[in-house]
Amino acid sequence: CYADNIWNNLINGRAPGGEAQALPFECPIDHIFTLDTWFRGSFKDRFREAKFMSNPNVPDTVKNDVARVQVLPGGKGEPVDAA
């Protein structure tokens, strides 16, 4: 992120009190998406929190069921079916 995302006034792209924070910074998910709509809509069961895999409540069977994804540079190729 190159600017904070809050309801208050920003000072040089940062929340009051955070003026010393270096830019850019890792964007929290709620800076990018409107999460309250995720929890209310049909999407609510299709995502997990960022630390899901390190949550002690997640069973080892889930943690060990891994798929590897390779993202190719450019992103301009034809879409591929996940079938």
N, C-alpha and C. Protein backbone atom coordinates (compact mmCIF):
# COMPACT_ATOMS: atom_id res chain seq x y z
N CYS A 1 0.84 -1.18 0.00
CA CYS A 1 0.00 0.00 0.00
C CYS A 1 0.88 1.24 0.00
N TYR A 2 0.40 2.22 -0.68
CA TYR A 2 1.10 3.50 -0.69
C TYR A 2 0.36 4.55 0.11
N ALA A 3 -0.77 4.15 0.71
CA ALA A 3 -1.52 5.05 1.58
C ALA A 3 -2.37 4.20 2.52
N ASP A 4 -2.58 4.71 3.72
CA ASP A 4 -3.43 4.03 4.68
C ASP A 4 -4.88 4.17 4.23
N ASN A 5 -5.76 3.38 4.79
CA ASN A 5 -7.16 3.42 4.42
C ASN A 5 -8.00 3.48 5.70
N ILE A 6 -8.30 4.68 6.13
CA ILE A 6 -9.10 4.86 7.35
C ILE A 6 -10.12 5.95 7.13
N TRP A 7 -11.07 6.05 8.04
CA TRP A 7 -12.13 7.05 7.94
C TRP A 7 -11.66 8.44 8.35
N ASN A 8 -10.53 8.54 9.01
CA ASN A 8 -10.01 9.81 9.53
C ASN A 8 -9.14 10.51 8.47
N ASN A 9 -8.72 11.72 8.77
CA ASN A 9 -7.79 12.43 7.90
C ASN A 9 -6.44 11.72 7.87
N LEU A 10 -5.80 11.74 6.72
CA LEU A 10 -4.47 11.16 6.57
C LEU A 10 -3.43 12.26 6.54
N ILE A 11 -2.23 11.95 7.03
CA ILE A 11 -1.10 12.87 7.00
C ILE A 11 -0.04 12.21 6.13
N ASN A 12 0.16 12.75 4.93
CA ASN A 12 1.10 12.17 3.97
C ASN A 12 0.81 10.69 3.70
N GLY A 13 -0.47 10.36 3.59
CA GLY A 13 -0.86 8.98 3.28
C GLY A 13 -0.88 8.05 4.46
N ARG A 14 -0.69 8.57 5.66
CA ARG A 14 -0.63 7.72 6.85
C ARG A 14 -1.64 8.19 7.89
N ALA A 15 -2.07 7.24 8.72
CA ALA A 15 -3.00 7.56 9.80
C ALA A 15 -2.28 8.45 10.83
N PRO A 16 -3.02 9.34 11.49
CA PRO A 16 -2.41 10.16 12.54
C PRO A 16 -1.70 9.28 13.57
N GLY A 17 -0.46 9.62 13.87
CA GLY A 17 0.36 8.83 14.78
C GLY A 17 1.25 7.84 14.06
N GLY A 18 0.98 7.59 12.79
CA GLY A 18 1.78 6.63 12.03
C GLY A 18 2.61 7.27 10.96
N GLU A 19 2.90 8.57 11.11
CA GLU A 19 3.62 9.30 10.07
C GLU A 19 5.01 8.75 9.79
N ALA A 20 5.59 8.05 10.74
CA ALA A 20 6.94 7.51 10.55
C ALA A 20 6.94 6.16 9.83
N GLN A 21 5.77 5.59 9.60
CA GLN A 21 5.69 4.30 8.93
C GLN A 21 6.22 4.42 7.50
N ALA A 22 7.08 3.49 7.13
CA ALA A 22 7.67 3.50 5.79
C ALA A 22 6.62 3.13 4.75
N LEU A 23 6.71 3.76 3.61
CA LEU A 23 5.85 3.43 2.48
C LEU A 23 6.70 2.85 1.36
N PRO A 24 6.23 1.90 0.61
CA PRO A 24 4.96 1.20 0.78
C PRO A 24 5.03 0.22 1.94
N PHE A 25 3.86 -0.27 2.37
CA PHE A 25 3.78 -1.26 3.43
C PHE A 25 2.83 -2.37 2.99
N GLU A 26 2.90 -3.51 3.69
CA GLU A 26 2.04 -4.64 3.37
C GLU A 26 0.59 -4.28 3.68
N CYS A 27 -0.26 -4.35 2.69
CA CYS A 27 -1.66 -3.94 2.86
C CYS A 27 -2.44 -4.98 3.66
N PRO A 28 -3.14 -4.55 4.69
CA PRO A 28 -4.08 -5.45 5.35
C PRO A 28 -5.23 -5.75 4.38
N ILE A 29 -5.82 -6.91 4.51
CA ILE A 29 -6.86 -7.31 3.57
C ILE A 29 -8.03 -6.34 3.56
N ASP A 30 -8.34 -5.71 4.70
CA ASP A 30 -9.48 -4.80 4.72
C ASP A 30 -9.18 -3.46 4.04
N HIS A 31 -7.95 -3.25 3.61
CA HIS A 31 -7.63 -2.08 2.79
C HIS A 31 -8.03 -2.33 1.33
N ILE A 32 -8.14 -3.59 0.96
CA ILE A 32 -8.37 -3.96 -0.42
C ILE A 32 -9.81 -4.42 -0.66
N PHE A 33 -10.36 -5.16 0.30
CA PHE A 33 -11.69 -5.72 0.17
C PHE A 33 -12.61 -5.21 1.28
N THR A 34 -13.89 -5.18 1.01
CA THR A 34 -14.88 -4.81 2.02
C THR A 34 -15.33 -6.11 2.70
N LEU A 35 -14.64 -6.46 3.78
CA LEU A 35 -14.82 -7.77 4.40
C LEU A 35 -16.20 -8.00 4.98
N ASP A 36 -16.87 -6.97 5.47
CA ASP A 36 -18.19 -7.21 6.06
C ASP A 36 -19.15 -7.81 5.04
N THR A 37 -19.00 -7.48 3.77
CA THR A 37 -19.86 -8.09 2.74
C THR A 37 -19.48 -9.55 2.51
N TRP A 38 -18.23 -9.91 2.72
CA TRP A 38 -17.82 -11.31 2.58
C TRP A 38 -18.51 -12.17 3.63
N PHE A 39 -18.57 -11.68 4.85
CA PHE A 39 -19.14 -12.47 5.94
C PHE A 39 -20.65 -12.59 5.85
N ARG A 40 -21.30 -11.68 5.15
CA ARG A 40 -22.76 -11.72 5.02
C ARG A 40 -23.23 -12.44 3.78
N GLY A 41 -22.43 -12.50 2.75
CA GLY A 41 -22.86 -13.04 1.47
C GLY A 41 -22.51 -14.51 1.28
N SER A 42 -22.70 -14.97 0.05
CA SER A 42 -22.44 -16.38 -0.27
C SER A 42 -20.95 -16.70 -0.28
N PHE A 43 -20.11 -15.68 -0.21
CA PHE A 43 -18.66 -15.88 -0.25
C PHE A 43 -18.09 -16.26 1.12
N LYS A 44 -18.89 -16.17 2.18
CA LYS A 44 -18.39 -16.30 3.55
C LYS A 44 -17.68 -17.61 3.85
N ASP A 45 -18.00 -18.69 3.16
CA ASP A 45 -17.36 -19.98 3.42
C ASP A 45 -16.26 -20.31 2.43
N ARG A 46 -15.84 -19.34 1.62
CA ARG A 46 -14.88 -19.61 0.55
C ARG A 46 -13.53 -18.94 0.78
N PHE A 47 -13.27 -18.43 1.96
CA PHE A 47 -11.96 -17.84 2.23
C PHE A 47 -11.55 -18.14 3.66
N ARG A 48 -10.28 -18.02 3.92
CA ARG A 48 -9.73 -18.28 5.25
C ARG A 48 -8.86 -17.10 5.66
N GLU A 49 -8.69 -16.91 6.97
CA GLU A 49 -7.84 -15.83 7.45
C GLU A 49 -6.39 -16.11 7.07
N ALA A 50 -5.57 -15.08 7.08
CA ALA A 50 -4.18 -15.19 6.62
C ALA A 50 -3.38 -16.22 7.41
N LYS A 51 -3.64 -16.36 8.68
CA LYS A 51 -2.86 -17.29 9.53
C LYS A 51 -3.56 -18.64 9.69
N PHE A 52 -4.46 -18.97 8.78
CA PHE A 52 -5.25 -20.20 8.87
C PHE A 52 -4.37 -21.43 9.08
N MET A 53 -3.32 -21.57 8.30
CA MET A 53 -2.49 -22.78 8.38
C MET A 53 -1.67 -22.87 9.66
N SER A 54 -1.49 -21.79 10.39
CA SER A 54 -0.76 -21.86 11.66
C SER A 54 -1.71 -21.87 12.87
N ASN A 55 -3.01 -21.90 12.60
CA ASN A 55 -4.01 -21.96 13.68
C ASN A 55 -3.98 -23.35 14.30
N PRO A 56 -3.79 -23.46 15.63
CA PRO A 56 -3.71 -24.78 16.26
C PRO A 56 -5.02 -25.57 16.16
N ASN A 57 -6.13 -24.93 15.83
CA ASN A 57 -7.41 -25.63 15.70
C ASN A 57 -7.58 -26.31 14.34
N VAL A 58 -6.68 -26.04 13.41
CA VAL A 58 -6.76 -26.67 12.09
C VAL A 58 -6.12 -28.05 12.18
N PRO A 59 -6.86 -29.11 11.82
CA PRO A 59 -6.31 -30.47 11.93
C PRO A 59 -5.12 -30.69 10.99
N ASP A 60 -4.22 -31.57 11.37
CA ASP A 60 -3.06 -31.90 10.54
C ASP A 60 -3.47 -32.43 9.17
N THR A 61 -4.61 -33.12 9.08
CA THR A 61 -5.05 -33.63 7.78
C THR A 61 -5.29 -32.48 6.81
N VAL A 62 -5.76 -31.36 7.29
CA VAL A 62 -5.97 -30.19 6.43
C VAL A 62 -4.63 -29.54 6.11
N LYS A 63 -3.77 -29.38 7.13
CA LYS A 63 -2.48 -28.73 6.92
C LYS A 63 -1.59 -29.52 5.96
N ASN A 64 -1.73 -30.84 5.95
CA ASN A 64 -0.88 -31.68 5.10
C ASN A 64 -1.45 -31.90 3.71
N ASP A 65 -2.66 -31.46 3.45
CA ASP A 65 -3.28 -31.59 2.13
C ASP A 65 -2.93 -30.35 1.33
N VAL A 66 -1.84 -30.42 0.58
CA VAL A 66 -1.25 -29.24 -0.05
C VAL A 66 -1.34 -29.34 -1.57
N ALA A 67 -1.60 -28.22 -2.20
CA ALA A 67 -1.52 -28.10 -3.66
C ALA A 67 -0.51 -27.00 -3.96
N ARG A 68 0.32 -27.21 -4.93
CA ARG A 68 1.30 -26.20 -5.32
C ARG A 68 0.80 -25.48 -6.57
N VAL A 69 0.91 -24.17 -6.56
CA VAL A 69 0.45 -23.34 -7.67
C VAL A 69 1.62 -22.50 -8.15
N GLN A 70 1.83 -22.48 -9.45
CA GLN A 70 2.88 -21.65 -10.01
C GLN A 70 2.23 -20.54 -10.82
N VAL A 71 2.54 -19.31 -10.46
CA VAL A 71 2.02 -18.16 -11.19
C VAL A 71 3.08 -17.73 -12.18
N LEU A 72 2.71 -17.75 -13.44
CA LEU A 72 3.66 -17.41 -14.49
C LEU A 72 3.76 -15.90 -14.65
N PRO A 73 4.91 -15.39 -15.00
CA PRO A 73 5.06 -13.95 -15.18
C PRO A 73 4.22 -13.44 -16.35
N GLY A 74 3.80 -12.21 -16.27
CA GLY A 74 3.07 -11.59 -17.35
C GLY A 74 1.57 -11.61 -17.17
N GLY A 75 1.01 -12.76 -16.86
CA GLY A 75 -0.41 -12.86 -16.61
C GLY A 75 -1.29 -12.56 -17.81
N LYS A 76 -0.76 -12.64 -19.03
CA LYS A 76 -1.55 -12.28 -20.20
C LYS A 76 -1.93 -13.49 -21.04
N GLY A 77 -1.68 -14.70 -20.52
CA GLY A 77 -2.00 -15.90 -21.27
C GLY A 77 -3.49 -16.20 -21.25
N GLU A 78 -3.84 -17.24 -21.98
CA GLU A 78 -5.23 -17.68 -22.01
C GLU A 78 -5.60 -18.32 -20.67
N PRO A 79 -6.86 -18.16 -20.22
CA PRO A 79 -7.28 -18.79 -18.98
C PRO A 79 -7.21 -20.30 -19.11
N VAL A 80 -6.94 -20.97 -18.02
CA VAL A 80 -6.84 -22.44 -18.00
C VAL A 80 -7.94 -22.96 -17.10
N ASP A 81 -8.69 -23.97 -17.58
CA ASP A 81 -9.72 -24.59 -16.75
C ASP A 81 -9.08 -25.38 -15.63
N ALA A 82 -9.68 -25.33 -14.45
CA ALA A 82 -9.15 -26.04 -13.29
C ALA A 82 -9.66 -27.47 -13.22
N ALA A 83 -10.18 -28.00 -14.30
CA ALA A 83 -10.78 -29.35 -14.30
C ALA A 83 -9.79 -30.43 -14.19
